[in-house]
C-alpha atoms as a PDB file:
ATOM      1  CA  MET A   1      14.339 -33.129  36.500  1.00  0.00           C
ATOM      2  CA  ASN A   2      17.815 -32.124  35.308  1.00  0.00           C
ATOM      3  CA  ASN A   3      19.706 -29.022  36.388  1.00  0.00           C
ATOM      4  CA  ARG A   4      18.448 -26.881  33.485  1.00  0.00           C
ATOM      5  CA  GLU A   5      14.836 -27.744  34.197  1.00  0.00           C
ATOM      6  CA  PHE A   6      15.361 -27.077  37.909  1.00  0.00           C
ATOM      7  CA  LEU A   7      16.882 -23.641  37.245  1.00  0.00           C
ATOM      8  CA  LEU A   8      14.080 -22.756  34.828  1.00  0.00           C
ATOM      9  CA  ALA A   9      11.443 -23.828  37.353  1.00  0.00           C
ATOM     10  CA  ARG A  10      13.086 -21.621  39.995  1.00  0.00           C
ATOM     11  CA  ALA A  11      13.203 -18.742  37.509  1.00  0.00           C
ATOM     12  CA  ARG A  12       9.474 -19.066  36.867  1.00  0.00           C
ATOM     13  CA  ALA A  13       8.824 -19.072  40.604  1.00  0.00           C
ATOM     14  CA  ALA A  14      10.942 -15.929  40.930  1.00  0.00           C
ATOM     15  CA  GLU A  15       8.916 -14.298  38.157  1.00  0.00           C
ATOM     16  CA  GLN A  16       5.679 -14.989  40.027  1.00  0.00           C
ATOM     17  CA  SER A  17       7.044 -13.175  43.082  1.00  0.00           C
ATOM     18  CA  GLY A  18       8.421 -10.264  41.036  1.00  0.00           C
ATOM     19  CA  ALA A  19      12.054 -11.139  41.817  1.00  0.00           C
ATOM     20  CA  HIS A  20      13.345 -10.209  38.363  1.00  0.00           C
ATOM     21  CA  ILE A  21      16.993  -9.951  39.392  1.00  0.00           C
ATOM     22  CA  GLN A  22      16.912 -13.506  40.732  1.00  0.00           C
ATOM     23  CA  MET A  23      14.998 -14.659  37.664  1.00  0.00           C
ATOM     24  CA  ALA A  24      17.609 -13.262  35.271  1.00  0.00           C
ATOM     25  CA  SER A  25      20.439 -14.661  37.391  1.00  0.00           C
ATOM     26  CA  LEU A  26      18.987 -18.173  37.366  1.00  0.00           C
ATOM     27  CA  VAL A  27      18.518 -18.309  33.604  1.00  0.00           C
ATOM     28  CA  ARG A  28      21.931 -16.736  33.115  1.00  0.00           C
ATOM     29  CA  GLN A  29      23.362 -19.781  34.894  1.00  0.00           C
ATOM     30  CA  ILE A  30      21.824 -21.926  32.151  1.00  0.00           C
ATOM     31  CA  ALA A  31      23.309 -19.686  29.445  1.00  0.00           C
ATOM     32  CA  GLU A  32      26.743 -19.915  31.056  1.00  0.00           C
ATOM     33  CA  MET A  33      26.662 -23.697  30.619  1.00  0.00           C
ATOM     34  CA  ALA A  34      27.626 -22.899  27.007  1.00  0.00           C
ATOM     35  CA  VAL A  35      24.434 -24.498  25.719  1.00  0.00           C
ATOM     36  CA  GLU A  36      21.881 -23.094  23.319  1.00  0.00           C
ATOM     37  CA  LEU A  37      18.778 -21.846  25.116  1.00  0.00           C
ATOM     38  CA  ASN A  38      15.395 -23.190  24.121  1.00  0.00           C
ATOM     39  CA  GLY A  39      12.384 -20.946  23.635  1.00  0.00           C
ATOM     40  CA  ASP A  40      11.187 -21.043  27.242  1.00  0.00           C
ATOM     41  CA  GLU A  41      14.660 -20.338  28.625  1.00  0.00           C
ATOM     42  CA  ARG A  42      15.170 -17.483  26.175  1.00  0.00           C
ATOM     43  CA  LYS A  43      11.886 -15.863  27.117  1.00  0.00           C
ATOM     44  CA  ALA A  44      12.635 -16.234  30.822  1.00  0.00           C
ATOM     45  CA  LEU A  45      16.067 -14.640  30.405  1.00  0.00           C
ATOM     46  CA  VAL A  46      14.739 -11.666  28.458  1.00  0.00           C
ATOM     47  CA  GLY A  47      11.750 -11.318  30.768  1.00  0.00           C
ATOM     48  CA  GLY A  48      13.991 -11.219  33.825  1.00  0.00           C
ATOM     49  CA  TYR A  49      16.262  -8.541  32.409  1.00  0.00           C
ATOM     50  CA  HIS A  50      13.266  -6.581  31.181  1.00  0.00           C
ATOM     51  CA  GLY A  51      11.844  -6.537  34.684  1.00  0.00           C
ATOM     52  CA  VAL A  52      15.165  -5.329  36.100  1.00  0.00           C
ATOM     53  CA  ALA A  53      15.398  -2.609  33.431  1.00  0.00           C
ATOM     54  CA  CYS A  54      11.880  -1.357  34.175  1.00  0.00           C
ATOM     55  CA  GLN A  55      12.692  -1.109  37.884  1.00  0.00           C
ATOM     56  CA  VAL A  56      15.416   1.398  36.961  1.00  0.00           C
ATOM     57  CA  LEU A  57      13.773   3.043  33.961  1.00  0.00           C
ATOM     58  CA  GLU A  58      10.495   4.019  35.620  1.00  0.00           C
ATOM     59  CA  PRO A  59      12.001   6.078  38.466  1.00  0.00           C
ATOM     60  CA  LEU A  60      14.595   7.513  36.079  1.00  0.00           C
ATOM     61  CA  ARG A  61      11.938   8.856  33.718  1.00  0.00           C
ATOM     62  CA  LEU A  62       9.901  10.123  36.649  1.00  0.00           C
ATOM     63  CA  ALA A  63      12.855  11.967  38.184  1.00  0.00           C
ATOM     64  CA  ALA A  64      14.017  13.347  34.826  1.00  0.00           C
ATOM     65  CA  SER A  65      10.574  14.753  34.034  1.00  0.00           C
ATOM     66  CA  ARG A  66      10.002  16.377  37.424  1.00  0.00           C
ATOM     67  CA  GLU A  67      10.420  20.128  37.737  1.00  0.00           C
ATOM     68  CA  PRO A  68      12.410  21.082  40.879  1.00  0.00           C
ATOM     69  CA  ARG A  69      10.763  23.629  43.164  1.00  0.00           C
ATOM     70  CA  ASN A  70      13.981  24.907  44.675  1.00  0.00           C
ATOM     71  CA  ALA A  71      17.765  24.523  44.584  1.00  0.00           C
ATOM     72  CA  THR A  72      17.799  21.731  47.145  1.00  0.00           C
ATOM     73  CA  GLU A  73      15.286  19.632  45.220  1.00  0.00           C
ATOM     74  CA  LYS A  74      17.176  20.324  42.006  1.00  0.00           C
ATOM     75  CA  GLU A  75      20.361  18.902  43.520  1.00  0.00           C
ATOM     76  CA  VAL A  76      18.527  15.850  44.871  1.00  0.00           C
ATOM     77  CA  LEU A  77      16.992  15.146  41.453  1.00  0.00           C
ATOM     78  CA  ARG A  78      20.385  15.578  39.802  1.00  0.00           C
ATOM     79  CA  ARG A  79      21.952  13.022  42.122  1.00  0.00           C
ATOM     80  CA  VAL A  80      19.074  10.582  41.741  1.00  0.00           C
ATOM     81  CA  THR A  81      19.052  10.727  37.935  1.00  0.00           C
ATOM     82  CA  SER A  82      22.846  10.427  37.846  1.00  0.00           C
ATOM     83  CA  LEU A  83      22.737   7.339  40.063  1.00  0.00           C
ATOM     84  CA  LEU A  84      19.925   5.707  38.074  1.00  0.00           C
ATOM     85  CA  ARG A  85      21.609   6.418  34.733  1.00  0.00           C
ATOM     86  CA  ALA A  86      24.819   4.833  36.021  1.00  0.00           C
ATOM     87  CA  LYS A  87      22.863   1.785  37.181  1.00  0.00           C
ATOM     88  CA  LEU A  88      21.098   1.507  33.828  1.00  0.00           C
ATOM     89  CA  ARG A  89      24.405   1.896  32.000  1.00  0.00           C
ATOM     90  CA  ASN A  90      25.889  -0.979  33.989  1.00  0.00           C
ATOM     91  CA  LEU A  91      22.833  -3.124  33.246  1.00  0.00           C
ATOM     92  CA  CYS A  92      23.160  -2.425  29.512  1.00  0.00           C
ATOM     93  CA  ALA A  93      26.840  -3.352  29.649  1.00  0.00           C
ATOM     94  CA  GLU A  94      26.002  -6.600  31.455  1.00  0.00           C
ATOM     95  CA  MET A  95      23.377  -7.545  28.870  1.00  0.00           C
ATOM     96  CA  GLY A  96      25.676  -6.626  25.992  1.00  0.00           C
ATOM     97  CA  LEU A  97      28.473  -8.813  27.342  1.00  0.00           C
ATOM     98  CA  LEU A  98      26.060 -11.693  27.922  1.00  0.00           C
ATOM     99  CA  ILE A  99      24.702 -11.493  24.375  1.00  0.00           C
ATOM    100  CA  ASN A 100      28.003 -11.083  22.533  1.00  0.00           C
ATOM    101  CA  GLY A 101      30.167 -13.141  24.850  1.00  0.00           C
ATOM    102  CA  THR A 102      27.889 -16.065  25.721  1.00  0.00           C
ATOM    103  CA  LEU A 103      24.596 -16.282  23.837  1.00  0.00           C
ATOM    104  CA  LEU A 104      25.703 -15.612  20.251  1.00  0.00           C
ATOM    105  CA  PRO A 105      28.778 -17.896  20.348  1.00  0.00           C
ATOM    106  CA  ALA A 106      26.662 -20.757  21.720  1.00  0.00           C
ATOM    107  CA  SER A 107      23.857 -20.331  19.172  1.00  0.00           C
ATOM    108  CA  GLY A 108      23.527 -22.218  15.935  1.00  0.00           C
ATOM    109  CA  ASP A 109      19.795 -21.893  15.411  1.00  0.00           C
ATOM    110  CA  PRO A 110      19.059 -19.076  12.924  1.00  0.00           C
ATOM    111  CA  GLU A 111      16.047 -17.872  14.914  1.00  0.00           C
ATOM    112  CA  ASN A 112      18.103 -17.584  18.085  1.00  0.00           C
ATOM    113  CA  LEU A 113      20.864 -15.732  16.255  1.00  0.00           C
ATOM    114  CA  VAL A 114      18.423 -13.187  14.842  1.00  0.00           C
ATOM    115  CA  PHE A 115      16.691 -12.795  18.192  1.00  0.00           C
ATOM    116  CA  TYR A 116      19.947 -12.112  20.056  1.00  0.00           C
ATOM    117  CA  ARG A 117      21.072  -9.592  17.441  1.00  0.00           C
ATOM    118  CA  LYS A 118      17.729  -7.817  17.758  1.00  0.00           C
ATOM    119  CA  TRP A 119      17.979  -7.923  21.551  1.00  0.00           C
ATOM    120  CA  TYR A 120      21.475  -6.394  21.409  1.00  0.00           C
ATOM    121  CA  ALA A 121      20.100  -3.541  19.290  1.00  0.00           C
ATOM    122  CA  ASP A 122      17.301  -3.119  21.840  1.00  0.00           C
ATOM    123  CA  VAL A 123      19.925  -2.875  24.591  1.00  0.00           C
ATOM    124  CA  LEU A 124      21.695  -0.086  22.696  1.00  0.00           C
ATOM    125  CA  ARG A 125      18.339   1.644  22.319  1.00  0.00           C
ATOM    126  CA  LEU A 126      17.905   1.370  26.083  1.00  0.00           C
ATOM    127  CA  ALA A 127      21.381   2.837  26.563  1.00  0.00           C
ATOM    128  CA  LEU A 128      20.138   6.064  24.970  1.00  0.00           C
ATOM    129  CA  GLU A 129      18.176   6.602  28.184  1.00  0.00           C
ATOM    130  CA  THR A 130      21.488   7.015  30.009  1.00  0.00           C
ATOM    131  CA  VAL A 131      22.443  10.111  27.986  1.00  0.00           C
ATOM    132  CA  ALA A 132      20.776  13.214  29.347  1.00  0.00           C
ATOM    133  CA  GLU A 133      21.637  15.762  26.649  1.00  0.00           C
ATOM    134  CA  PRO A 134      22.161  15.678  22.864  1.00  0.00           C
ATOM    135  CA  GLY A 135      25.795  15.433  21.875  1.00  0.00           C
ATOM    136  CA  GLN A 136      28.508  13.228  20.461  1.00  0.00           C
ATOM    137  CA  GLU A 137      27.886  10.419  22.930  1.00  0.00           C
ATOM    138  CA  ARG A 138      24.212  10.161  22.008  1.00  0.00           C
ATOM    139  CA  VAL A 139      25.001  10.324  18.291  1.00  0.00           C
ATOM    140  CA  ALA A 140      27.565   7.544  18.682  1.00  0.00           C
ATOM    141  CA  ILE A 141      25.044   5.293  20.475  1.00  0.00           C
ATOM    142  CA  GLN A 142      22.406   6.035  17.832  1.00  0.00           C
ATOM    143  CA  LYS A 143      24.803   5.042  15.049  1.00  0.00           C
ATOM    144  CA  ALA A 144      25.758   1.834  16.855  1.00  0.00           C
ATOM    145  CA  CYS A 145      22.091   1.041  17.487  1.00  0.00           C
ATOM    146  CA  ASP A 146      21.155   1.670  13.854  1.00  0.00           C
ATOM    147  CA  ALA A 147      23.992  -0.586  12.683  1.00  0.00           C
ATOM    148  CA  ALA A 148      22.915  -3.314  15.136  1.00  0.00           C
ATOM    149  CA  TYR A 149      19.320  -3.211  13.915  1.00  0.00           C
ATOM    150  CA  GLN A 150      20.434  -3.328  10.290  1.00  0.00           C
ATOM    151  CA  LYS A 151      22.595  -6.351  11.077  1.00  0.00           C
ATOM    152  CA  ALA A 152      19.645  -8.079  12.745  1.00  0.00           C
ATOM    153  CA  VAL A 153      17.326  -7.234   9.833  1.00  0.00           C
ATOM    154  CA  THR A 154      19.841  -8.528   7.283  1.00  0.00           C
ATOM    155  CA  ALA A 155      20.227 -11.790   9.196  1.00  0.00           C
ATOM    156  CA  ALA A 156      16.442 -12.139   9.522  1.00  0.00           C
ATOM    157  CA  GLU A 157      15.840 -11.573   5.820  1.00  0.00           C
ATOM    158  CA  ARG A 158      18.580 -14.049   4.912  1.00  0.00           C
ATOM    159  CA  THR A 159      17.654 -16.923   7.238  1.00  0.00           C
ATOM    160  CA  LEU A 160      14.014 -16.680   8.388  1.00  0.00           C
ATOM    161  CA  ARG A 161      10.685 -16.904   6.600  1.00  0.00           C
ATOM    162  CA  PRO A 162       8.899 -13.562   6.091  1.00  0.00           C
ATOM    163  CA  ASP A 163       6.025 -14.690   8.342  1.00  0.00           C
ATOM    164  CA  ASN A 164       8.306 -15.817  11.187  1.00  0.00           C
ATOM    165  CA  ALA A 165       7.479 -14.038  14.466  1.00  0.00           C
ATOM    166  CA  VAL A 166      11.108 -13.235  15.324  1.00  0.00           C
ATOM    167  CA  ARG A 167      11.704 -11.764  11.870  1.00  0.00           C
ATOM    168  CA  LEU A 168       8.530  -9.675  12.051  1.00  0.00           C
ATOM    169  CA  CYS A 169       9.420  -8.454  15.560  1.00  0.00           C
ATOM    170  CA  THR A 170      12.919  -7.526  14.352  1.00  0.00           C
ATOM    171  CA  MET A 171      11.453  -5.525  11.469  1.00  0.00           C
ATOM    172  CA  LEU A 172       9.031  -3.807  13.858  1.00  0.00           C
ATOM    173  CA  HIS A 173      11.722  -2.811  16.356  1.00  0.00           C
ATOM    174  CA  ALA A 174      14.072  -1.576  13.628  1.00  0.00           C
ATOM    175  CA  ALA A 175      11.328   0.482  12.001  1.00  0.00           C
ATOM    176  CA  ILE A 176      10.286   1.966  15.344  1.00  0.00           C
ATOM    177  CA  PHE A 177      13.888   3.005  16.005  1.00  0.00           C
ATOM    178  CA  ARG A 178      14.093   4.717  12.608  1.00  0.00           C
ATOM    179  CA  ALA A 179      10.890   6.610  13.290  1.00  0.00           C
ATOM    180  CA  ASP A 180      11.271   7.487  16.976  1.00  0.00           C
ATOM    181  CA  GLU A 181      14.986   8.195  17.230  1.00  0.00           C
ATOM    182  CA  LEU A 182      16.040   9.205  13.713  1.00  0.00           C
ATOM    183  CA  GLU A 183      12.656  10.620  12.634  1.00  0.00           C
ATOM    184  CA  ASP A 184      13.073   8.878   9.286  1.00  0.00           C
ATOM    185  CA  PHE A 185       9.366   8.216   8.791  1.00  0.00           C
ATOM    186  CA  SER A 186       9.706   7.421   5.087  1.00  0.00           C
ATOM    187  CA  HIS A 187      12.209   4.619   5.705  1.00  0.00           C
ATOM    188  CA  ALA A 188      10.245   3.319   8.693  1.00  0.00           C
ATOM    189  CA  THR A 189       7.022   3.222   6.670  1.00  0.00           C
ATOM    190  CA  ARG A 190       8.672   1.295   3.835  1.00  0.00           C
ATOM    191  CA  MET A 191      10.120  -1.210   6.300  1.00  0.00           C
ATOM    192  CA  ALA A 192       6.751  -1.802   7.950  1.00  0.00           C
ATOM    193  CA  TYR A 193       4.914  -2.067   4.646  1.00  0.00           C
ATOM    194  CA  SER A 194       7.503  -4.433   3.152  1.00  0.00           C
ATOM    195  CA  ALA A 195       7.349  -6.687   6.211  1.00  0.00           C
ATOM    196  CA  VAL A 196       3.574  -7.081   5.855  1.00  0.00           C
ATOM    197  CA  GLU A 197       3.781  -7.446   2.072  1.00  0.00           C
ATOM    198  CA  ASP A 198       6.495 -10.116   2.223  1.00  0.00           C
ATOM    199  CA  ALA A 199       4.648 -12.036   4.939  1.00  0.00           C
ATOM    200  CA  ALA A 200       1.464 -12.011   2.878  1.00  0.00           C
ATOM    201  CA  ALA A 201       3.292 -13.233  -0.221  1.00  0.00           C
ATOM    202  CA  GLU A 202       5.112 -16.114   1.482  1.00  0.00           C
ATOM    203  CA  ALA A 203       2.652 -17.237   4.166  1.00  0.00           C
ATOM    204  CA  ALA A 204       1.729 -20.901   3.970  1.00  0.00           C
ATOM    205  CA  GLY A 205      -1.573 -20.275   5.775  1.00  0.00           C
ATOM    206  CA  PRO A 206      -3.337 -17.973   8.234  1.00  0.00           C
ATOM    207  CA  PRO A 207      -0.983 -16.325  10.764  1.00  0.00           C
ATOM    208  CA  GLN A 208      -0.702 -17.574  14.319  1.00  0.00           C
ATOM    209  CA  LYS A 209      -1.705 -15.310  17.210  1.00  0.00           C
ATOM    210  CA  GLU A 210       1.765 -13.897  17.845  1.00  0.00           C
ATOM    211  CA  GLU A 211       2.445 -13.202  14.162  1.00  0.00           C
ATOM    212  CA  ALA A 212      -1.014 -11.651  13.727  1.00  0.00           C
ATOM    213  CA  ALA A 213      -0.412  -9.274  16.650  1.00  0.00           C
ATOM    214  CA  ILE A 214       2.938  -8.100  15.264  1.00  0.00           C
ATOM    215  CA  LEU A 215       1.461  -7.630  11.792  1.00  0.00           C
ATOM    216  CA  PHE A 216      -1.312  -5.555  13.322  1.00  0.00           C
ATOM    217  CA  LEU A 217       1.256  -3.319  15.035  1.00  0.00           C
ATOM    218  CA  LEU A 218       3.217  -2.988  11.788  1.00  0.00           C
ATOM    219  CA  ALA A 219       0.080  -1.921   9.931  1.00  0.00           C
ATOM    220  CA  ARG A 220      -0.842   0.601  12.630  1.00  0.00           C
ATOM    221  CA  ALA A 221       2.703   1.966  12.730  1.00  0.00           C
ATOM    222  CA  ALA A 222       2.805   2.363   8.945  1.00  0.00           C
ATOM    223  CA  HIS A 223      -0.357   4.484   9.023  1.00  0.00           C
ATOM    224  CA  THR A 224       0.943   6.616  11.892  1.00  0.00           C
ATOM    225  CA  TRP A 225       4.282   7.289  10.219  1.00  0.00           C
ATOM    226  CA  MET A 226       2.716   8.053   6.839  1.00  0.00           C
ATOM    227  CA  ALA A 227       0.509  10.639   8.512  1.00  0.00           C
ATOM    228  CA  LYS A 228       3.525  12.238  10.200  1.00  0.00           C
ATOM    229  CA  GLU A 229       5.578  12.165   7.001  1.00  0.00           C
ATOM    230  CA  GLU A 230       2.867  13.927   5.030  1.00  0.00           C
ATOM    231  CA  GLY A 231       2.300  16.429   7.819  1.00  0.00           C
ATOM    232  CA  SER A 232      -1.413  15.754   7.848  1.00  0.00           C
ATOM    233  CA  ARG A 233      -3.890  14.985  10.621  1.00  0.00           C
ATOM    234  CA  LEU A 234      -5.116  11.637   9.389  1.00  0.00           C
ATOM    235  CA  SER A 235      -7.503   9.779  11.645  1.00  0.00           C
ATOM    236  CA  THR A 236      -5.315   7.021  13.075  1.00  0.00           C
ATOM    237  CA  LYS A 237      -8.261   5.803  15.110  1.00  0.00           C
ATOM    238  CA  ARG A 238     -10.401   5.155  12.053  1.00  0.00           C
ATOM    239  CA  GLN A 239      -7.489   3.566  10.158  1.00  0.00           C
ATOM    240  CA  VAL A 240      -6.871   1.109  12.976  1.00  0.00           C
ATOM    241  CA  GLU A 241     -10.563   0.223  13.073  1.00  0.00           C
ATOM    242  CA  ARG A 242     -10.439  -0.464   9.313  1.00  0.00           C
ATOM    243  CA  SER A 243      -7.320  -2.608   9.815  1.00  0.00           C
ATOM    244  CA  TRP A 244      -9.152  -4.692  12.395  1.00  0.00           C
ATOM    245  CA  GLU A 245     -12.267  -4.981  10.234  1.00  0.00           C
ATOM    246  CA  ASP A 246     -10.199  -6.283   7.296  1.00  0.00           C
ATOM    247  CA  LEU A 247      -8.552  -8.887   9.531  1.00  0.00           C
ATOM    248  CA  SER A 248     -11.702 -10.187  11.208  1.00  0.00           C
ATOM    249  CA  GLU A 249     -14.443  -9.483   8.641  1.00  0.00           C
ATOM    250  CA  ALA A 250     -15.397 -13.098   8.020  1.00  0.00           C
ATOM    251  CA  GLY A 251     -15.808 -13.986  11.680  1.00  0.00           C
ATOM    252  CA  SER A 252     -16.946 -10.705  13.156  1.00  0.00           C
ATOM    253  CA  SER A 253     -20.407 -11.961  14.021  1.00  0.00           C
ATOM    254  CA  ALA A 254     -18.987 -14.795  16.138  1.00  0.00           C
ATOM    255  CA  ALA A 255     -16.208 -12.768  17.719  1.00  0.00           C
ATOM    256  CA  GLY A 256     -18.450 -10.693  19.975  1.00  0.00           C
ATOM    257  CA  ASN A 257     -17.087  -7.395  21.216  1.00  0.00           C
ATOM    258  CA  SER A 258     -13.931  -6.517  19.291  1.00  0.00           C
ATOM    259  CA  PRO A 259     -10.992  -4.844  21.051  1.00  0.00           C
ATOM    260  CA  ALA A 260     -10.537  -2.667  17.968  1.00  0.00           C
ATOM    261  CA  ALA A 261     -12.071   0.356  19.656  1.00  0.00           C
ATOM    262  CA  SER A 262      -9.825   0.181  22.705  1.00  0.00           C
ATOM    263  CA  TRP A 263      -6.719  -0.428  20.613  1.00  0.00           C
ATOM    264  CA  ALA A 264      -7.710   2.370  18.270  1.00  0.00           C
ATOM    265  CA  GLU A 265      -8.206   4.669  21.239  1.00  0.00           C
ATOM    266  CA  GLU A 266      -4.698   3.816  22.407  1.00  0.00           C
ATOM    267  CA  ALA A 267      -3.278   4.417  18.939  1.00  0.00           C
ATOM    268  CA  GLY A 268      -4.993   7.782  18.742  1.00  0.00           C
ATOM    269  CA  SER A 269      -3.706   8.894  22.122  1.00  0.00           C
ATOM    270  CA  GLY A 270      -0.335   9.923  20.708  1.00  0.00           C
ATOM    271  CA  GLU A 271       1.727   7.453  22.733  1.00  0.00           C
ATOM    272  CA  SER A 272       5.178   6.761  21.299  1.00  0.00           C
ATOM    273  CA  LEU A 273       5.668   3.529  19.380  1.00  0.00           C
ATOM    274  CA  SER A 274       8.850   2.869  21.282  1.00  0.00           C
ATOM    275  CA  TRP A 275      11.106  -0.157  21.704  1.00  0.00           C
ATOM    276  CA  SER A 276      10.288  -3.092  23.902  1.00  0.00           C
ATOM    277  CA  LEU A 277      12.913  -5.167  25.640  1.00  0.00           C
ATOM    278  CA  GLY A 278      11.796  -8.719  24.981  1.00  0.00           C
ATOM    279  CA  GLU A 279       9.037 -10.383  23.060  1.00  0.00           C
ATOM    280  CA  SER A 280       5.908  -9.299  24.879  1.00  0.00           C
ATOM    281  CA  ALA A 281       6.875  -6.926  27.682  1.00  0.00           C
ATOM    282  CA  HIS A 282       7.285  -3.195  27.276  1.00  0.00           C
ATOM    283  CA  PRO A 283       8.810  -0.264  29.167  1.00  0.00           C
ATOM    284  CA  PRO A 284       6.457   2.392  30.546  1.00  0.00           C
ATOM    285  CA  GLY A 285       5.040   4.799  27.976  1.00  0.00           C
ATOM    286  CA  THR A 286       5.362   2.409  25.040  1.00  0.00           C
ATOM    287  CA  VAL A 287       2.851   0.466  22.988  1.00  0.00           C
ATOM    288  CA  PRO A 288       2.500  -3.037  24.533  1.00  0.00           C
ATOM    289  CA  MET A 289       2.210  -6.295  22.677  1.00  0.00           C
ATOM    290  CA  PRO A 290      -1.370  -7.459  23.354  1.00  0.00           C
ATOM    291  CA  ALA A 291      -1.623 -10.334  25.809  1.00  0.00           C
ATOM    292  CA  ALA A 292      -2.784 -13.704  24.537  1.00  0.00           C
ATOM    293  CA  GLU A 293      -6.224 -13.359  26.084  1.00  0.00           C
ATOM    294  CA  GLU A 294      -6.796 -10.064  24.228  1.00  0.00           C
ATOM    295  CA  TYR A 295      -6.762 -11.664  20.798  1.00  0.00           C
ATOM    296  CA  THR A 296      -9.997 -12.227  18.953  1.00  0.00           C
ATOM    297  CA  PRO A 297      -9.893 -15.857  17.730  1.00  0.00           C
ATOM    298  CA  ASN A 298     -10.932 -14.861  14.227  1.00  0.00           C
ATOM    299  CA  ILE A 299      -7.771 -12.822  13.604  1.00  0.00           C
ATOM    300  CA  SER A 300      -5.731 -15.848  12.624  1.00  0.00           C
ATOM    301  CA  ALA A 301      -8.551 -17.192  10.454  1.00  0.00           C
ATOM    302  CA  GLN A 302      -7.982 -14.468   7.865  1.00  0.00           C
ATOM    303  CA  PRO A 303      -5.330 -14.435   5.122  1.00  0.00           C
ATOM    304  CA  LEU A 304      -2.474 -11.951   5.503  1.00  0.00           C
ATOM    305  CA  SER A 305      -3.516 -10.297   2.256  1.00  0.00           C
ATOM    306  CA  GLY A 306      -6.303  -8.643   4.256  1.00  0.00           C
ATOM    307  CA  LEU A 307      -3.740  -6.286   5.732  1.00  0.00           C
ATOM    308  CA  LEU A 308      -2.576  -5.152   2.310  1.00  0.00           C
ATOM    309  CA  HIS A 309      -6.019  -3.883   1.331  1.00  0.00           C
ATOM    310  CA  GLN A 310      -5.858  -1.090   3.892  1.00  0.00           C
ATOM    311  CA  LEU A 311      -2.129  -0.244   3.549  1.00  0.00           C
ATOM    312  CA  PRO A 312      -1.499   2.437   0.901  1.00  0.00           C
ATOM    313  CA  HIS A 313       1.819   1.770  -0.790  1.00  0.00           C
ATOM    314  CA  PRO A 314       4.488   4.174   0.543  1.00  0.00           C
ATOM    315  CA  LYS A 315       5.785   6.676  -1.967  1.00  0.00           C
END
């Protein structure tokens, strides 16, 4: 076992014990060797930093949403939120320096380059949590985040296949940012629809589990944003059920109980389709990427064109 493998093994052990700071630190040591990370190392690095971010983000959101009962509690909450925002700001700065100063210069693989650009945009999205009130600072971060996502999308469209998981995830995150932060539902809908349409046109075969899950989220997001754009109360729950039926129609009898109902219930609950730091993890209050065991095997047995049947073309 070489040094890289040893550090990765220790990082995985740290993940099992919930020591996310140690996990991120161990994989960062690999990155600082000026070598290109492989898939497992990349996931461990992002997973570690995601865990650290959630440890700050959860109490920050809790403290920011709490109504003080008196002046003393108000001052305590102010100090707590100020401290947590400073800590989160420092974490974002650390991740930004790691991405731009170490990971991108050492990367030659197009998929890695797109992933790191998308991750940097995600970090800027996270930095918005450090700004308490609307103003010039928040607008400046939004503009930088939008530019970072556009750069990642451009790189993905230029270098990766339309059905590549990293490209699809980049399109999903960029579209979610447009919808949630900029409230540009028309643009977000077109991005989501185009991602599914391009993947269907270029796919060499049925999608793999990860790609199928992202496509499902893109389809669900497109329906949600179209409903908001039109100002109507469309039944997101029923649309999601139709999406699932189109994907698994041929093998529905063998699939058993479908998770469509539970996913549809989640989609209809009004939760924000917010950003996720990493490939499968998600901050509190956001829509998670389904775990591997939640997939119905027959999803990936269907052609991607099945998604297009239930996606009305955006105007």
